[in-house]
Amino acid sequence: MRLWRGACARERSKGVAAIELALSMAFLVPLLLAALDFGYYFYVGACVEEAARQGALQAVRKTAGAGCASAAATTARTIVRDTYATTTGTACLGADNVSAAYCYMNEPPLGMGTSSGPTVIALTCDGAPIAGSWHITVDVSFPLTVGFYRALLPAGSTAGTVRYRATMTATP
């Protein structure tokens, strides 16, 4: 008789376990989706920060202390500001006609491709904090992995994308 009661108790507990699973999934699934979306957003953000840093360093290297009004500064502006459309199919390393920021964003491991390549929206050379300082701003719009939390992040330039903008300063 005791065995029969134990079997009934186990049968009833199976229903309770299913209800507990359903209730816990209501909290775990959004948490997992948030981890995917925000994790990818912060990964791309770190890469955009590094792309801005690479662009600013490239500008400083190309001027080599020549100053903001020199011919070297004009060349540096051209190199760093090249858009991704003009660099499709060219090798990034060692080429003077491609953007340093573009190359960083499109080489492995990120490899964002031409559809969401970075845009250098500002590249200035001035005397702050010291003469010949370069300031670069890189803007990237990209789709999220899942997109469940898209409304919590800055809207991108096209529908369904989010934006990350980074600004960097480099001094000679």
C-alpha atoms as a PDB file:
ATOM      1  CA  MET A   1       0.000   0.000   0.000  1.00  0.00           C
ATOM      2  CA  ARG A   2       2.846   2.410   0.743  1.00  0.00           C
ATOM      3  CA  LEU A   3       4.375   1.914  -2.686  1.00  0.00           C
ATOM      4  CA  TRP A   4       1.160   2.963  -4.331  1.00  0.00           C
ATOM      5  CA  ARG A   5       1.014   6.256  -2.386  1.00  0.00           C
ATOM      6  CA  GLY A   6       4.619   7.019  -3.328  1.00  0.00           C
ATOM      7  CA  ALA A   7       3.856   6.524  -7.005  1.00  0.00           C
ATOM      8  CA  CYS A   8       0.919   8.964  -6.791  1.00  0.00           C
ATOM      9  CA  ALA A   9       3.086  11.567  -5.076  1.00  0.00           C
ATOM     10  CA  ARG A  10       5.657  11.279  -7.830  1.00  0.00           C
ATOM     11  CA  GLU A  11       3.013  11.686 -10.523  1.00  0.00           C
ATOM     12  CA  ARG A  12       1.703  14.852  -8.885  1.00  0.00           C
ATOM     13  CA  SER A  13       5.209  16.309  -8.509  1.00  0.00           C
ATOM     14  CA  LYS A  14       5.826  16.002 -12.277  1.00  0.00           C
ATOM     15  CA  GLY A  15       3.156  18.621 -12.882  1.00  0.00           C
ATOM     16  CA  VAL A  16       4.693  20.908 -10.272  1.00  0.00           C
ATOM     17  CA  ALA A  17       8.108  20.614 -11.939  1.00  0.00           C
ATOM     18  CA  ALA A  18       6.626  21.591 -15.309  1.00  0.00           C
ATOM     19  CA  ILE A  19       4.967  24.642 -13.787  1.00  0.00           C
ATOM     20  CA  GLU A  20       8.218  25.646 -12.043  1.00  0.00           C
ATOM     21  CA  LEU A  21      10.103  25.319 -15.327  1.00  0.00           C
ATOM     22  CA  ALA A  22       7.568  27.472 -17.172  1.00  0.00           C
ATOM     23  CA  LEU A  23       7.676  30.158 -14.488  1.00  0.00           C
ATOM     24  CA  SER A  24      11.462  30.226 -14.332  1.00  0.00           C
ATOM     25  CA  MET A  25      11.769  30.408 -18.135  1.00  0.00           C
ATOM     26  CA  ALA A  26       9.759  33.633 -18.067  1.00  0.00           C
ATOM     27  CA  PHE A  27      12.729  35.204 -16.255  1.00  0.00           C
ATOM     28  CA  LEU A  28      15.631  33.269 -17.775  1.00  0.00           C
ATOM     29  CA  VAL A  29      14.856  33.762 -21.485  1.00  0.00           C
ATOM     30  CA  PRO A  30      14.809  37.595 -21.354  1.00  0.00           C
ATOM     31  CA  LEU A  31      17.965  37.480 -19.246  1.00  0.00           C
ATOM     32  CA  LEU A  32      19.703  35.348 -21.875  1.00  0.00           C
ATOM     33  CA  LEU A  33      18.516  37.621 -24.705  1.00  0.00           C
ATOM     34  CA  ALA A  34      19.791  40.667 -22.814  1.00  0.00           C
ATOM     35  CA  ALA A  35      23.169  38.988 -22.318  1.00  0.00           C
ATOM     36  CA  LEU A  36      23.440  38.323 -26.059  1.00  0.00           C
ATOM     37  CA  ASP A  37      22.384  41.829 -27.152  1.00  0.00           C
ATOM     38  CA  PHE A  38      24.360  43.815 -24.615  1.00  0.00           C
ATOM     39  CA  GLY A  39      27.389  41.544 -24.875  1.00  0.00           C
ATOM     40  CA  TYR A  40      27.589  42.058 -28.637  1.00  0.00           C
ATOM     41  CA  TYR A  41      26.971  45.800 -28.261  1.00  0.00           C
ATOM     42  CA  PHE A  42      29.842  46.175 -25.794  1.00  0.00           C
ATOM     43  CA  TYR A  43      32.122  43.960 -27.911  1.00  0.00           C
ATOM     44  CA  VAL A  44      31.530  46.137 -30.977  1.00  0.00           C
ATOM     45  CA  GLY A  45      31.927  49.215 -28.766  1.00  0.00           C
ATOM     46  CA  ALA A  46      35.357  48.077 -27.637  1.00  0.00           C
ATOM     47  CA  CYS A  47      36.333  47.498 -31.258  1.00  0.00           C
ATOM     48  CA  VAL A  48      35.082  50.953 -32.286  1.00  0.00           C
ATOM     49  CA  GLU A  49      37.113  52.531 -29.483  1.00  0.00           C
ATOM     50  CA  GLU A  50      40.182  50.704 -30.749  1.00  0.00           C
ATOM     51  CA  ALA A  51      39.409  51.721 -34.352  1.00  0.00           C
ATOM     52  CA  ALA A  52      39.280  55.370 -33.270  1.00  0.00           C
ATOM     53  CA  ARG A  53      42.562  54.912 -31.465  1.00  0.00           C
ATOM     54  CA  GLN A  54      44.171  53.351 -34.527  1.00  0.00           C
ATOM     55  CA  GLY A  55      42.896  56.185 -36.740  1.00  0.00           C
ATOM     56  CA  ALA A  56      44.241  58.865 -34.408  1.00  0.00           C
ATOM     57  CA  LEU A  57      47.606  57.129 -34.117  1.00  0.00           C
ATOM     58  CA  GLN A  58      47.797  56.792 -37.899  1.00  0.00           C
ATOM     59  CA  ALA A  59      47.178  60.539 -38.256  1.00  0.00           C
ATOM     60  CA  VAL A  60      49.932  61.334 -35.740  1.00  0.00           C
ATOM     61  CA  ARG A  61      52.359  58.951 -37.432  1.00  0.00           C
ATOM     62  CA  LYS A  62      51.710  60.367 -40.890  1.00  0.00           C
ATOM     63  CA  THR A  63      52.333  63.963 -39.782  1.00  0.00           C
ATOM     64  CA  ALA A  64      55.476  63.075 -37.794  1.00  0.00           C
ATOM     65  CA  GLY A  65      55.433  66.387 -35.927  1.00  0.00           C
ATOM     66  CA  ALA A  66      55.050  68.461 -39.119  1.00  0.00           C
ATOM     67  CA  GLY A  67      52.060  70.394 -37.753  1.00  0.00           C
ATOM     68  CA  CYS A  68      48.394  70.683 -38.663  1.00  0.00           C
ATOM     69  CA  ALA A  69      48.807  72.961 -41.694  1.00  0.00           C
ATOM     70  CA  SER A  70      51.467  70.883 -43.464  1.00  0.00           C
ATOM     71  CA  ALA A  71      51.132  68.713 -46.557  1.00  0.00           C
ATOM     72  CA  ALA A  72      51.671  65.673 -44.324  1.00  0.00           C
ATOM     73  CA  ALA A  73      48.567  66.657 -42.339  1.00  0.00           C
ATOM     74  CA  THR A  74      46.531  66.819 -45.542  1.00  0.00           C
ATOM     75  CA  THR A  75      47.766  63.342 -46.466  1.00  0.00           C
ATOM     76  CA  ALA A  76      46.929  62.068 -42.976  1.00  0.00           C
ATOM     77  CA  ARG A  77      43.393  63.441 -43.256  1.00  0.00           C
ATOM     78  CA  THR A  78      42.937  61.619 -46.563  1.00  0.00           C
ATOM     79  CA  ILE A  79      44.263  58.346 -45.199  1.00  0.00           C
ATOM     80  CA  VAL A  80      42.236  58.334 -42.008  1.00  0.00           C
ATOM     81  CA  ARG A  81      38.994  59.699 -43.517  1.00  0.00           C
ATOM     82  CA  ASP A  82      38.704  57.308 -46.491  1.00  0.00           C
ATOM     83  CA  THR A  83      35.249  55.776 -46.445  1.00  0.00           C
ATOM     84  CA  TYR A  84      34.634  52.067 -46.568  1.00  0.00           C
ATOM     85  CA  ALA A  85      33.118  52.303 -50.065  1.00  0.00           C
ATOM     86  CA  THR A  86      36.479  53.221 -51.603  1.00  0.00           C
ATOM     87  CA  THR A  87      38.377  50.435 -49.886  1.00  0.00           C
ATOM     88  CA  THR A  88      36.308  47.413 -50.870  1.00  0.00           C
ATOM     89  CA  GLY A  89      38.594  44.652 -52.010  1.00  0.00           C
ATOM     90  CA  THR A  90      41.871  46.308 -51.063  1.00  0.00           C
ATOM     91  CA  ALA A  91      44.336  44.984 -48.556  1.00  0.00           C
ATOM     92  CA  CYS A  92      44.406  46.950 -45.332  1.00  0.00           C
ATOM     93  CA  LEU A  93      47.896  46.354 -44.064  1.00  0.00           C
ATOM     94  CA  GLY A  94      50.501  48.679 -45.478  1.00  0.00           C
ATOM     95  CA  ALA A  95      48.215  50.428 -47.950  1.00  0.00           C
ATOM     96  CA  ASP A  96      48.253  54.224 -47.753  1.00  0.00           C
ATOM     97  CA  ASN A  97      44.894  54.652 -49.473  1.00  0.00           C
ATOM     98  CA  VAL A  98      42.738  52.926 -46.883  1.00  0.00           C
ATOM     99  CA  SER A  99      41.311  54.119 -43.609  1.00  0.00           C
ATOM    100  CA  ALA A 100      42.984  52.873 -40.447  1.00  0.00           C
ATOM    101  CA  ALA A 101      39.605  52.778 -38.680  1.00  0.00           C
ATOM    102  CA  TYR A 102      38.000  50.874 -41.554  1.00  0.00           C
ATOM    103  CA  CYS A 103      40.792  48.313 -41.611  1.00  0.00           C
ATOM    104  CA  TYR A 104      40.582  47.678 -37.894  1.00  0.00           C
ATOM    105  CA  MET A 105      36.813  47.119 -37.991  1.00  0.00           C
ATOM    106  CA  ASN A 106      36.888  44.823 -41.022  1.00  0.00           C
ATOM    107  CA  GLU A 107      39.835  42.606 -40.190  1.00  0.00           C
ATOM    108  CA  PRO A 108      39.344  39.496 -38.032  1.00  0.00           C
ATOM    109  CA  PRO A 109      38.040  38.887 -35.460  1.00  0.00           C
ATOM    110  CA  LEU A 110      35.292  41.519 -35.921  1.00  0.00           C
ATOM    111  CA  GLY A 111      34.959  41.535 -39.719  1.00  0.00           C
ATOM    112  CA  MET A 112      31.871  43.754 -39.816  1.00  0.00           C
ATOM    113  CA  GLY A 113      31.909  44.075 -43.597  1.00  0.00           C
ATOM    114  CA  THR A 114      31.089  46.987 -45.872  1.00  0.00           C
ATOM    115  CA  SER A 115      27.415  47.188 -44.901  1.00  0.00           C
ATOM    116  CA  SER A 116      28.229  48.512 -41.441  1.00  0.00           C
ATOM    117  CA  GLY A 117      31.754  49.767 -41.871  1.00  0.00           C
ATOM    118  CA  PRO A 118      32.807  52.636 -39.654  1.00  0.00           C
ATOM    119  CA  THR A 119      32.434  56.239 -40.740  1.00  0.00           C
ATOM    120  CA  VAL A 120      34.946  58.801 -39.579  1.00  0.00           C
ATOM    121  CA  ILE A 121      32.629  61.711 -38.864  1.00  0.00           C
ATOM    122  CA  ALA A 122      35.212  64.101 -37.478  1.00  0.00           C
ATOM    123  CA  LEU A 123      38.964  64.372 -37.839  1.00  0.00           C
ATOM    124  CA  THR A 124      40.519  67.587 -36.572  1.00  0.00           C
ATOM    125  CA  CYS A 125      44.009  68.759 -35.784  1.00  0.00           C
ATOM    126  CA  ASP A 126      44.518  71.578 -33.284  1.00  0.00           C
ATOM    127  CA  GLY A 127      46.724  72.829 -30.497  1.00  0.00           C
ATOM    128  CA  ALA A 128      44.866  71.297 -27.553  1.00  0.00           C
ATOM    129  CA  PRO A 129      46.236  69.835 -25.339  1.00  0.00           C
ATOM    130  CA  ILE A 130      49.506  70.341 -27.273  1.00  0.00           C
ATOM    131  CA  ALA A 131      50.312  71.450 -30.811  1.00  0.00           C
ATOM    132  CA  GLY A 132      49.489  68.883 -33.462  1.00  0.00           C
ATOM    133  CA  SER A 133      46.878  66.969 -31.458  1.00  0.00           C
ATOM    134  CA  TRP A 134      44.480  64.883 -33.543  1.00  0.00           C
ATOM    135  CA  HIS A 135      40.876  64.231 -32.540  1.00  0.00           C
ATOM    136  CA  ILE A 136      38.926  61.520 -34.347  1.00  0.00           C
ATOM    137  CA  THR A 137      35.299  60.425 -34.001  1.00  0.00           C
ATOM    138  CA  VAL A 138      34.214  57.071 -35.436  1.00  0.00           C
ATOM    139  CA  ASP A 139      30.552  56.140 -35.814  1.00  0.00           C
ATOM    140  CA  VAL A 140      29.280  52.607 -36.538  1.00  0.00           C
ATOM    141  CA  SER A 141      25.707  51.390 -37.095  1.00  0.00           C
ATOM    142  CA  PHE A 142      25.207  47.631 -36.832  1.00  0.00           C
ATOM    143  CA  PRO A 143      22.427  45.096 -36.272  1.00  0.00           C
ATOM    144  CA  LEU A 144      22.192  43.334 -32.922  1.00  0.00           C
ATOM    145  CA  THR A 145      22.435  39.575 -32.580  1.00  0.00           C
ATOM    146  CA  VAL A 146      18.847  39.125 -31.383  1.00  0.00           C
ATOM    147  CA  GLY A 147      17.424  42.641 -31.272  1.00  0.00           C
ATOM    148  CA  PHE A 148      15.134  41.989 -28.308  1.00  0.00           C
ATOM    149  CA  TYR A 149      16.465  45.009 -26.398  1.00  0.00           C
ATOM    150  CA  ARG A 150      17.063  47.315 -29.395  1.00  0.00           C
ATOM    151  CA  ALA A 151      14.870  50.051 -27.878  1.00  0.00           C
ATOM    152  CA  LEU A 152      17.272  50.437 -24.927  1.00  0.00           C
ATOM    153  CA  LEU A 153      20.266  51.266 -27.139  1.00  0.00           C
ATOM    154  CA  PRO A 154      20.977  54.304 -29.390  1.00  0.00           C
ATOM    155  CA  ALA A 155      19.267  54.047 -32.781  1.00  0.00           C
ATOM    156  CA  GLY A 156      21.477  53.513 -35.803  1.00  0.00           C
ATOM    157  CA  SER A 157      21.484  55.251 -39.171  1.00  0.00           C
ATOM    158  CA  THR A 158      19.277  52.595 -40.780  1.00  0.00           C
ATOM    159  CA  ALA A 159      16.184  50.826 -39.523  1.00  0.00           C
ATOM    160  CA  GLY A 160      16.880  47.886 -37.220  1.00  0.00           C
ATOM    161  CA  THR A 161      20.415  48.941 -36.291  1.00  0.00           C
ATOM    162  CA  VAL A 162      22.026  50.466 -33.226  1.00  0.00           C
ATOM    163  CA  ARG A 163      24.849  53.004 -33.109  1.00  0.00           C
ATOM    164  CA  TYR A 164      28.117  53.279 -31.246  1.00  0.00           C
ATOM    165  CA  ARG A 165      30.236  56.420 -31.450  1.00  0.00           C
ATOM    166  CA  ALA A 166      33.775  56.758 -30.133  1.00  0.00           C
ATOM    167  CA  THR A 167      36.035  59.795 -29.883  1.00  0.00           C
ATOM    168  CA  MET A 168      39.782  59.607 -29.392  1.00  0.00           C
ATOM    169  CA  THR A 169      42.618  62.138 -29.068  1.00  0.00           C
ATOM    170  CA  ALA A 170      46.241  61.473 -29.950  1.00  0.00           C
ATOM    171  CA  THR A 171      49.183  63.782 -29.458  1.00  0.00           C
ATOM    172  CA  PRO A 172      52.595  63.592 -31.098  1.00  0.00           C
END
